[in-house]
Structure formats: C-alpha cells, structure tokens
N, C-alpha and C. Protein backbone atom coordinates (compact mmCIF):
# COMPACT_ATOMS: atom_id res chain seq x y z
N UNK A 1 0.84 -1.17 0.00
CA UNK A 1 0.00 0.00 0.00
C UNK A 1 0.88 1.24 0.00
N UNK A 2 0.59 2.17 -0.87
CA UNK A 2 1.40 3.38 -0.97
C UNK A 2 0.96 4.40 0.06
N UNK A 3 1.92 5.12 0.59
CA UNK A 3 1.59 6.20 1.50
C UNK A 3 1.46 7.49 0.71
N UNK A 4 0.68 8.38 1.24
CA UNK A 4 0.47 9.67 0.57
C UNK A 4 1.71 10.53 0.79
N UNK A 5 2.29 11.02 -0.29
CA UNK A 5 3.46 11.91 -0.12
C UNK A 5 3.09 13.14 0.70
N UNK A 6 4.04 13.63 1.44
CA UNK A 6 3.84 14.78 2.33
C UNK A 6 3.32 16.00 1.58
N UNK A 7 3.80 16.21 0.39
CA UNK A 7 3.41 17.38 -0.41
C UNK A 7 1.92 17.32 -0.76
N UNK A 8 1.44 16.14 -1.16
CA UNK A 8 0.02 15.97 -1.50
C UNK A 8 -0.84 16.15 -0.26
N UNK A 9 -0.39 15.61 0.86
CA UNK A 9 -1.13 15.75 2.11
C UNK A 9 -1.27 17.22 2.49
N UNK A 10 -0.21 17.99 2.36
CA UNK A 10 -0.26 19.42 2.69
C UNK A 10 -1.21 20.17 1.76
N UNK A 11 -1.21 19.80 0.48
CA UNK A 11 -2.12 20.44 -0.47
C UNK A 11 -3.58 20.16 -0.11
N UNK A 12 -3.86 18.92 0.26
CA UNK A 12 -5.22 18.55 0.67
C UNK A 12 -5.61 19.31 1.93
N UNK A 13 -4.69 19.42 2.87
CA UNK A 13 -4.96 20.13 4.12
C UNK A 13 -5.26 21.60 3.86
N UNK A 14 -4.45 22.24 3.00
CA UNK A 14 -4.67 23.65 2.66
C UNK A 14 -6.01 23.83 1.97
N UNK A 15 -6.32 22.93 1.05
CA UNK A 15 -7.58 23.00 0.31
C UNK A 15 -8.79 22.83 1.25
N UNK A 16 -8.72 21.89 2.18
CA UNK A 16 -9.85 21.68 3.10
C UNK A 16 -10.04 22.90 4.01
N UNK A 17 -8.96 23.51 4.47
CA UNK A 17 -9.08 24.72 5.30
C UNK A 17 -9.67 25.86 4.50
N UNK A 18 -9.30 25.96 3.25
CA UNK A 18 -9.83 27.02 2.39
C UNK A 18 -11.34 26.84 2.17
N UNK A 19 -11.75 25.60 1.97
CA UNK A 19 -13.18 25.31 1.78
C UNK A 19 -13.96 25.63 3.05
N UNK A 20 -13.43 25.24 4.21
CA UNK A 20 -14.09 25.54 5.49
C UNK A 20 -14.24 27.04 5.68
N UNK A 21 -13.21 27.79 5.34
CA UNK A 21 -13.28 29.25 5.48
C UNK A 21 -14.30 29.86 4.54
N UNK A 22 -14.42 29.33 3.33
CA UNK A 22 -15.43 29.83 2.40
C UNK A 22 -16.84 29.58 2.93
N UNK A 23 -17.06 28.41 3.51
CA UNK A 23 -18.37 28.12 4.09
C UNK A 23 -18.64 29.00 5.31
N UNK A 24 -17.61 29.25 6.12
CA UNK A 24 -17.77 30.13 7.28
C UNK A 24 -18.18 31.53 6.86
N UNK A 25 -17.63 32.01 5.77
CA UNK A 25 -17.99 33.34 5.26
C UNK A 25 -19.46 33.38 4.85
N UNK A 26 -19.99 32.25 4.41
CA UNK A 26 -21.40 32.16 4.03
C UNK A 26 -22.31 31.90 5.23
N UNK A 27 -21.72 31.64 6.40
CA UNK A 27 -22.52 31.41 7.60
C UNK A 27 -22.83 29.95 7.85
N UNK A 28 -21.98 29.06 7.35
CA UNK A 28 -22.22 27.62 7.51
C UNK A 28 -20.99 26.99 8.13
N UNK A 29 -21.22 26.23 9.20
CA UNK A 29 -20.15 25.43 9.80
C UNK A 29 -20.38 24.00 9.32
N UNK A 30 -19.35 23.39 8.75
CA UNK A 30 -19.48 22.06 8.16
C UNK A 30 -19.67 21.03 9.26
N UNK A 31 -20.77 20.26 9.20
CA UNK A 31 -21.03 19.24 10.22
C UNK A 31 -20.24 17.96 9.96
N UNK A 32 -19.99 17.21 11.01
CA UNK A 32 -19.38 15.89 10.91
C UNK A 32 -20.16 14.93 11.79
N UNK A 33 -20.17 13.67 11.37
CA UNK A 33 -20.90 12.65 12.15
C UNK A 33 -19.93 11.98 13.12
N UNK A 34 -20.36 11.85 14.35
CA UNK A 34 -19.57 11.18 15.38
C UNK A 34 -19.84 9.69 15.37
N UNK A 35 -19.00 8.94 16.03
CA UNK A 35 -19.16 7.48 16.09
C UNK A 35 -20.45 7.06 16.79
N UNK A 36 -20.93 7.88 17.74
CA UNK A 36 -22.15 7.53 18.48
C UNK A 36 -23.44 7.92 17.75
N UNK A 37 -23.31 8.46 16.54
CA UNK A 37 -24.49 8.83 15.75
C UNK A 37 -24.88 10.29 15.87
N UNK A 38 -24.25 11.00 16.79
CA UNK A 38 -24.54 12.43 16.92
C UNK A 38 -23.82 13.20 15.81
N UNK A 39 -24.21 14.45 15.64
CA UNK A 39 -23.62 15.30 14.62
C UNK A 39 -22.89 16.44 15.31
N UNK A 40 -21.63 16.62 14.96
CA UNK A 40 -20.83 17.70 15.53
C UNK A 40 -20.81 18.86 14.55
N UNK A 41 -21.17 20.04 15.08
CA UNK A 41 -21.14 21.28 14.30
C UNK A 41 -20.28 22.25 15.09
N UNK A 42 -19.04 22.41 14.66
CA UNK A 42 -18.11 23.25 15.41
C UNK A 42 -17.83 22.62 16.76
N UNK A 43 -17.98 23.39 17.82
CA UNK A 43 -17.74 22.88 19.18
C UNK A 43 -19.01 22.31 19.81
N UNK A 44 -20.08 22.17 19.05
CA UNK A 44 -21.35 21.70 19.57
C UNK A 44 -21.76 20.40 18.89
N UNK A 45 -22.46 19.57 19.63
CA UNK A 45 -22.96 18.33 19.05
C UNK A 45 -24.47 18.24 19.24
N UNK A 46 -25.12 17.71 18.22
CA UNK A 46 -26.57 17.52 18.23
C UNK A 46 -26.81 16.02 18.33
N UNK A 47 -27.60 15.62 19.34
CA UNK A 47 -27.89 14.20 19.47
C UNK A 47 -29.35 14.00 19.86
N UNK A 48 -29.83 12.82 19.51
CA UNK A 48 -31.21 12.44 19.84
C UNK A 48 -31.20 11.75 21.18
N UNK A 49 -32.09 12.18 22.05
CA UNK A 49 -32.17 11.60 23.39
C UNK A 49 -33.10 10.40 23.39
N UNK A 50 -33.13 9.69 24.49
CA UNK A 50 -33.95 8.48 24.59
C UNK A 50 -35.44 8.78 24.56
N UNK A 51 -35.84 10.00 24.90
CA UNK A 51 -37.26 10.34 24.88
C UNK A 51 -37.73 10.90 23.54
N UNK A 52 -36.86 10.86 22.51
CA UNK A 52 -37.26 11.25 21.16
C UNK A 52 -36.99 12.70 20.82
N UNK A 53 -36.51 13.47 21.76
CA UNK A 53 -36.17 14.87 21.50
C UNK A 53 -34.71 14.98 21.08
N UNK A 54 -34.31 16.17 20.68
CA UNK A 54 -32.92 16.44 20.34
C UNK A 54 -32.37 17.43 21.35
N UNK A 55 -31.04 17.37 21.54
CA UNK A 55 -30.39 18.32 22.42
C UNK A 55 -29.05 18.74 21.83
N UNK A 56 -28.61 19.92 22.25
CA UNK A 56 -27.33 20.45 21.80
C UNK A 56 -26.41 20.51 23.02
N UNK A 57 -25.25 19.86 22.90
CA UNK A 57 -24.25 19.86 23.96
C UNK A 57 -23.01 20.60 23.49
N UNK A 58 -22.31 21.23 24.43
CA UNK A 58 -21.05 21.85 24.06
C UNK A 58 -19.94 20.81 24.11
N UNK A 59 -18.72 21.21 23.86
CA UNK A 59 -17.62 20.24 23.77
C UNK A 59 -17.26 19.63 25.12
N UNK A 60 -17.74 20.21 26.22
CA UNK A 60 -17.55 19.63 27.54
C UNK A 60 -18.61 18.57 27.85
N UNK A 61 -19.67 18.55 27.06
CA UNK A 61 -20.77 17.63 27.30
C UNK A 61 -21.91 18.26 28.07
N UNK A 62 -21.82 19.56 28.35
CA UNK A 62 -22.90 20.26 29.05
C UNK A 62 -24.00 20.59 28.06
N UNK A 63 -25.23 20.35 28.45
CA UNK A 63 -26.37 20.61 27.59
C UNK A 63 -26.63 22.11 27.51
N UNK A 64 -26.68 22.61 26.28
CA UNK A 64 -26.96 24.02 26.03
C UNK A 64 -28.46 24.21 25.84
N UNK A 65 -29.05 23.43 24.94
CA UNK A 65 -30.49 23.48 24.68
C UNK A 65 -30.99 22.04 24.61
N UNK A 66 -32.12 21.76 25.25
CA UNK A 66 -32.69 20.42 25.18
C UNK A 66 -34.16 20.50 24.83
N UNK A 67 -34.77 19.34 24.69
CA UNK A 67 -36.20 19.21 24.36
C UNK A 67 -36.54 19.90 23.04
N UNK A 68 -35.69 19.68 22.03
CA UNK A 68 -35.93 20.22 20.69
C UNK A 68 -36.69 19.15 19.90
N UNK A 69 -37.78 19.53 19.26
CA UNK A 69 -38.64 18.57 18.58
C UNK A 69 -38.12 18.13 17.22
N UNK A 70 -37.67 19.07 16.41
CA UNK A 70 -37.26 18.76 15.04
C UNK A 70 -35.73 18.79 14.90
N UNK A 71 -35.17 17.85 14.14
CA UNK A 71 -33.72 17.85 13.96
C UNK A 71 -33.23 19.09 13.20
N UNK A 72 -34.05 19.62 12.30
CA UNK A 72 -33.67 20.82 11.56
C UNK A 72 -33.48 22.00 12.50
N UNK A 73 -34.33 22.11 13.50
CA UNK A 73 -34.20 23.19 14.49
C UNK A 73 -32.89 23.04 15.24
N UNK A 74 -32.57 21.83 15.65
CA UNK A 74 -31.34 21.59 16.40
C UNK A 74 -30.11 21.94 15.56
N UNK A 75 -30.13 21.58 14.30
CA UNK A 75 -28.99 21.87 13.42
C UNK A 75 -28.85 23.38 13.21
N UNK A 76 -29.97 24.07 13.00
CA UNK A 76 -29.91 25.53 12.83
C UNK A 76 -29.37 26.22 14.07
N UNK A 77 -29.84 25.79 15.24
CA UNK A 77 -29.38 26.40 16.49
C UNK A 77 -27.90 26.12 16.73
N UNK A 78 -27.47 24.89 16.47
CA UNK A 78 -26.06 24.54 16.67
C UNK A 78 -25.17 25.29 15.69
N UNK A 79 -25.64 25.48 14.47
CA UNK A 79 -24.87 26.24 13.48
C UNK A 79 -24.71 27.68 13.94
N UNK A 80 -25.79 28.27 14.43
CA UNK A 80 -25.71 29.65 14.92
C UNK A 80 -24.78 29.76 16.12
N UNK A 81 -24.84 28.80 17.04
CA UNK A 81 -23.95 28.82 18.19
C UNK A 81 -22.49 28.69 17.76
N UNK A 82 -22.24 27.85 16.75
CA UNK A 82 -20.87 27.67 16.26
C UNK A 82 -20.33 28.92 15.59
N UNK A 83 -21.22 29.74 15.07
CA UNK A 83 -20.81 31.00 14.45
C UNK A 83 -20.64 32.11 15.48
N UNK A 84 -20.88 31.79 16.75
CA UNK A 84 -20.72 32.78 17.81
C UNK A 84 -21.97 33.60 18.08
N UNK A 85 -23.09 33.17 17.53
CA UNK A 85 -24.35 33.88 17.75
C UNK A 85 -25.06 33.31 18.97
N UNK A 86 -26.07 34.03 19.43
CA UNK A 86 -26.88 33.56 20.54
C UNK A 86 -27.93 32.57 20.05
N UNK A 87 -28.59 31.90 20.98
CA UNK A 87 -29.68 30.98 20.64
C UNK A 87 -30.82 31.80 20.07
N UNK A 88 -31.29 31.40 18.89
CA UNK A 88 -32.38 32.10 18.22
C UNK A 88 -33.70 31.75 18.91
N UNK A 89 -34.20 32.68 19.72
CA UNK A 89 -35.42 32.42 20.51
C UNK A 89 -36.65 32.26 19.64
N UNK A 90 -36.72 32.97 18.51
CA UNK A 90 -37.90 32.82 17.65
C UNK A 90 -37.95 31.43 17.03
N UNK A 91 -36.80 30.93 16.63
CA UNK A 91 -36.74 29.58 16.07
C UNK A 91 -37.06 28.54 17.14
N UNK A 92 -36.53 28.75 18.33
CA UNK A 92 -36.79 27.83 19.43
C UNK A 92 -38.26 27.87 19.83
N UNK A 93 -38.87 29.05 19.83
CA UNK A 93 -40.30 29.15 20.15
C UNK A 93 -41.16 28.49 19.08
N UNK A 94 -40.77 28.61 17.81
CA UNK A 94 -41.51 27.94 16.74
C UNK A 94 -41.45 26.43 16.93
N UNK A 95 -40.30 25.93 17.35
CA UNK A 95 -40.16 24.50 17.60
C UNK A 95 -41.01 24.07 18.80
N UNK A 96 -41.05 24.88 19.83
CA UNK A 96 -41.87 24.58 21.00
C UNK A 96 -43.36 24.57 20.63
N UNK A 97 -43.78 25.55 19.82
CA UNK A 97 -45.18 25.59 19.39
C UNK A 97 -45.50 24.38 18.50
N UNK A 98 -44.55 23.98 17.68
CA UNK A 98 -44.73 22.77 16.87
C UNK A 98 -44.98 21.56 17.77
N UNK A 99 -44.15 21.41 18.79
CA UNK A 99 -44.30 20.28 19.71
C UNK A 99 -45.62 20.30 20.45
N UNK A 100 -46.04 21.50 20.86
CA UNK A 100 -47.32 21.60 21.56
C UNK A 100 -48.48 21.25 20.62
N UNK A 101 -48.42 21.71 19.37
CA UNK A 101 -49.47 21.40 18.41
C UNK A 101 -49.49 19.91 18.10
N UNK A 102 -48.32 19.27 18.03
CA UNK A 102 -48.27 17.83 17.79
C UNK A 102 -48.87 17.07 18.98
N UNK A 103 -48.60 17.56 20.19
CA UNK A 103 -49.18 16.95 21.39
C UNK A 103 -50.70 17.10 21.39
N UNK A 104 -51.18 18.31 21.07
CA UNK A 104 -52.63 18.54 21.00
C UNK A 104 -53.27 17.62 19.97
N UNK A 105 -52.62 17.46 18.83
CA UNK A 105 -53.14 16.60 17.78
C UNK A 105 -53.28 15.16 18.29
N UNK A 106 -52.28 14.66 19.00
CA UNK A 106 -52.34 13.30 19.53
C UNK A 106 -53.45 13.15 20.57
N UNK A 107 -53.61 14.15 21.42
CA UNK A 107 -54.66 14.11 22.44
C UNK A 107 -56.04 14.11 21.80
N UNK A 108 -56.24 14.95 20.80
CA UNK A 108 -57.54 15.03 20.15
C UNK A 108 -57.84 13.78 19.32
N UNK A 109 -56.81 13.19 18.75
CA UNK A 109 -56.99 11.95 18.00
C UNK A 109 -57.44 10.83 18.95
N UNK A 110 -56.82 10.78 20.14
CA UNK A 110 -57.20 9.78 21.14
C UNK A 110 -58.62 10.04 21.65
N UNK A 111 -58.98 11.31 21.83
CA UNK A 111 -60.34 11.64 22.28
C UNK A 111 -61.37 11.27 21.22
N UNK A 112 -61.00 11.45 19.95
CA UNK A 112 -61.92 11.07 18.86
C UNK A 112 -62.16 9.56 18.86
N UNK A 113 -61.10 8.81 19.09
CA UNK A 113 -61.23 7.35 19.07
C UNK A 113 -62.10 6.84 20.20
N UNK A 114 -62.13 7.55 21.32
CA UNK A 114 -62.91 7.13 22.48
C UNK A 114 -64.32 7.71 22.50
N UNK A 115 -64.59 8.63 21.59
CA UNK A 115 -65.87 9.33 21.60
C UNK A 115 -67.01 8.43 21.15
N UNK A 116 -68.12 8.50 21.90
CA UNK A 116 -69.32 7.74 21.55
C UNK A 116 -70.41 8.69 21.03
N UNK A 117 -70.29 9.95 21.32
CA UNK A 117 -71.26 10.96 20.93
C UNK A 117 -70.83 11.59 19.61
N UNK A 118 -71.74 11.71 18.67
CA UNK A 118 -71.42 12.24 17.34
C UNK A 118 -71.05 13.72 17.41
N UNK A 119 -71.66 14.48 18.31
CA UNK A 119 -71.32 15.89 18.44
C UNK A 119 -69.92 16.07 19.01
N UNK A 120 -69.59 15.27 20.00
CA UNK A 120 -68.24 15.32 20.58
C UNK A 120 -67.20 14.88 19.54
N UNK A 121 -67.54 13.88 18.75
CA UNK A 121 -66.66 13.41 17.69
C UNK A 121 -66.40 14.52 16.67
N UNK A 122 -67.46 15.23 16.29
CA UNK A 122 -67.32 16.33 15.33
C UNK A 122 -66.47 17.46 15.89
N UNK A 123 -66.67 17.78 17.16
CA UNK A 123 -65.87 18.82 17.81
C UNK A 123 -64.39 18.43 17.84
N UNK A 124 -64.10 17.19 18.21
CA UNK A 124 -62.72 16.72 18.26
C UNK A 124 -62.09 16.68 16.87
N UNK A 125 -62.90 16.35 15.86
CA UNK A 125 -62.39 16.34 14.49
C UNK A 125 -62.01 17.75 14.05
N UNK A 126 -62.83 18.73 14.42
CA UNK A 126 -62.54 20.13 14.10
C UNK A 126 -61.26 20.59 14.82
N UNK A 127 -61.14 20.27 16.11
CA UNK A 127 -59.95 20.64 16.87
C UNK A 127 -58.71 19.93 16.32
N UNK A 128 -58.89 18.70 15.88
CA UNK A 128 -57.78 17.95 15.30
C UNK A 128 -57.27 18.63 14.03
N UNK A 129 -58.19 19.08 13.19
CA UNK A 129 -57.80 19.79 11.97
C UNK A 129 -57.05 21.07 12.27
N UNK A 130 -57.51 21.80 13.28
CA UNK A 130 -56.84 23.05 13.67
C UNK A 130 -55.43 22.77 14.20
N UNK A 131 -55.30 21.77 15.04
CA UNK A 131 -53.98 21.42 15.59
C UNK A 131 -53.04 20.96 14.49
N UNK A 132 -53.54 20.16 13.57
CA UNK A 132 -52.72 19.69 12.45
C UNK A 132 -52.26 20.86 11.59
N UNK A 133 -53.14 21.82 11.35
CA UNK A 133 -52.79 23.00 10.56
C UNK A 133 -51.71 23.82 11.26
N UNK A 134 -51.88 24.04 12.59
CA UNK A 134 -50.88 24.78 13.36
C UNK A 134 -49.53 24.09 13.30
N UNK A 135 -49.55 22.77 13.50
CA UNK A 135 -48.31 22.00 13.49
C UNK A 135 -47.59 22.14 12.15
N UNK A 136 -48.32 22.03 11.08
CA UNK A 136 -47.71 22.14 9.75
C UNK A 136 -47.19 23.55 9.47
N UNK A 137 -47.88 24.57 9.97
CA UNK A 137 -47.41 25.95 9.78
C UNK A 137 -46.08 26.18 10.50
N UNK A 138 -45.98 25.73 11.74
CA UNK A 138 -44.72 25.90 12.48
C UNK A 138 -43.60 25.09 11.85
N UNK A 139 -43.91 23.88 11.41
CA UNK A 139 -42.89 23.05 10.76
C UNK A 139 -42.43 23.70 9.45
N UNK A 140 -43.35 24.27 8.70
CA UNK A 140 -43.01 24.93 7.44
C UNK A 140 -42.08 26.11 7.68
N UNK A 141 -42.34 26.89 8.75
CA UNK A 141 -41.46 28.02 9.08
C UNK A 141 -40.04 27.55 9.40
N UNK A 142 -39.93 26.48 10.16
CA UNK A 142 -38.62 25.96 10.53
C UNK A 142 -37.91 25.40 9.30
N UNK A 143 -38.63 24.66 8.47
CA UNK A 143 -38.03 24.09 7.27
C UNK A 143 -37.61 25.17 6.28
N UNK A 144 -38.34 26.27 6.25
CA UNK A 144 -37.96 27.39 5.38
C UNK A 144 -36.61 27.96 5.81
N UNK A 145 -36.40 28.10 7.10
CA UNK A 145 -35.11 28.57 7.61
C UNK A 145 -34.01 27.56 7.32
N UNK A 146 -34.33 26.29 7.44
CA UNK A 146 -33.35 25.24 7.18
C UNK A 146 -32.98 25.22 5.70
N UNK A 147 -33.94 25.42 4.82
CA UNK A 147 -33.67 25.45 3.39
C UNK A 147 -32.78 26.62 3.01
N UNK A 148 -32.91 27.74 3.70
CA UNK A 148 -32.01 28.86 3.45
C UNK A 148 -30.57 28.47 3.75
N UNK A 149 -30.38 27.70 4.82
CA UNK A 149 -29.05 27.25 5.19
C UNK A 149 -28.50 26.26 4.15
N UNK A 150 -29.32 25.32 3.72
CA UNK A 150 -28.85 24.30 2.78
C UNK A 150 -28.73 24.84 1.37
N UNK A 151 -29.36 25.95 1.07
CA UNK A 151 -29.30 26.52 -0.27
C UNK A 151 -27.88 27.00 -0.60
N UNK A 152 -27.10 27.37 0.40
CA UNK A 152 -25.73 27.82 0.18
C UNK A 152 -24.83 26.70 -0.29
N UNK A 153 -25.17 25.49 0.09
CA UNK A 153 -24.33 24.34 -0.24
C UNK A 153 -24.58 23.97 -1.64
C-alpha cells in the first residue's frame, strides 16, 4: 500500500481549510458525524435523546439546549452557536409551538377514538384539523429557515 506523499497531504490540508473558510464566510459550519451517531457542528454536538427529543451539547458535554422537537431546528441552532451567535429564541419558540401542536393533535386523536357521541366526535375532528394546521405551519417556518441554510451548499 502506498503512503500519501507529504506534499500531496499538505495540499489537501490547505484545500480543506480554504473550503471551510469559504463556508464560514457564508454562515455555515461544516457538520461531521460522530461514532455515536450524533452530529458535531463546530464545538457543539446535536444528538437524539432516549425520549425522542434532540439536544445540543457543548464540547464539555454540558447541555446548552434540550427538548428540541425537530432535527432541523437543532442543526440551525447549533450552526448559529458555532458562528458565535446567541440561541435564536424565535426559532426555538416555533419548535416549542410545533411540539405543543403535535401533542394537541395526539390528544384530540385519542379523544376522537374514544368518543361515543357524534357531536363530541365532530368537535374533536374540528380541533384535530386546527392542531394539524398549526403544526404544519410551524414546521413549514422551521423548514424554510433550514432550506435557506442548505441553499448555500
């Protein structure tokens, strides 16, 4: 097996640093996948917890933000933190509202399944539609922000 000559290795190293700097100028920190399945973005890692949520940890392992519903939200927040920005509260609130609407949808779906009265069933169906609409609106807002980030790539 041939070893890579030192000159070629240095050229690859210079090229990779140049590419990282170009992405940084665009506001993107290049993510890498860790052995445990988490994603490292700069000094922060995004991982899925056992309860189905996502959390962002710093390089010490201290949790910065937890109970994130969508992976796109976690990636956007970790990217912003890696760029030296603060946690985007509007994005985090949209994610929280998404989670609440998803919870409401599940509760109303369960209430519909248990309903014996046609009027109660109709009311729960109406509430279910409203919750589903809210959930999709919040998810669409988050995905729109995520698409702006991925559009640079």
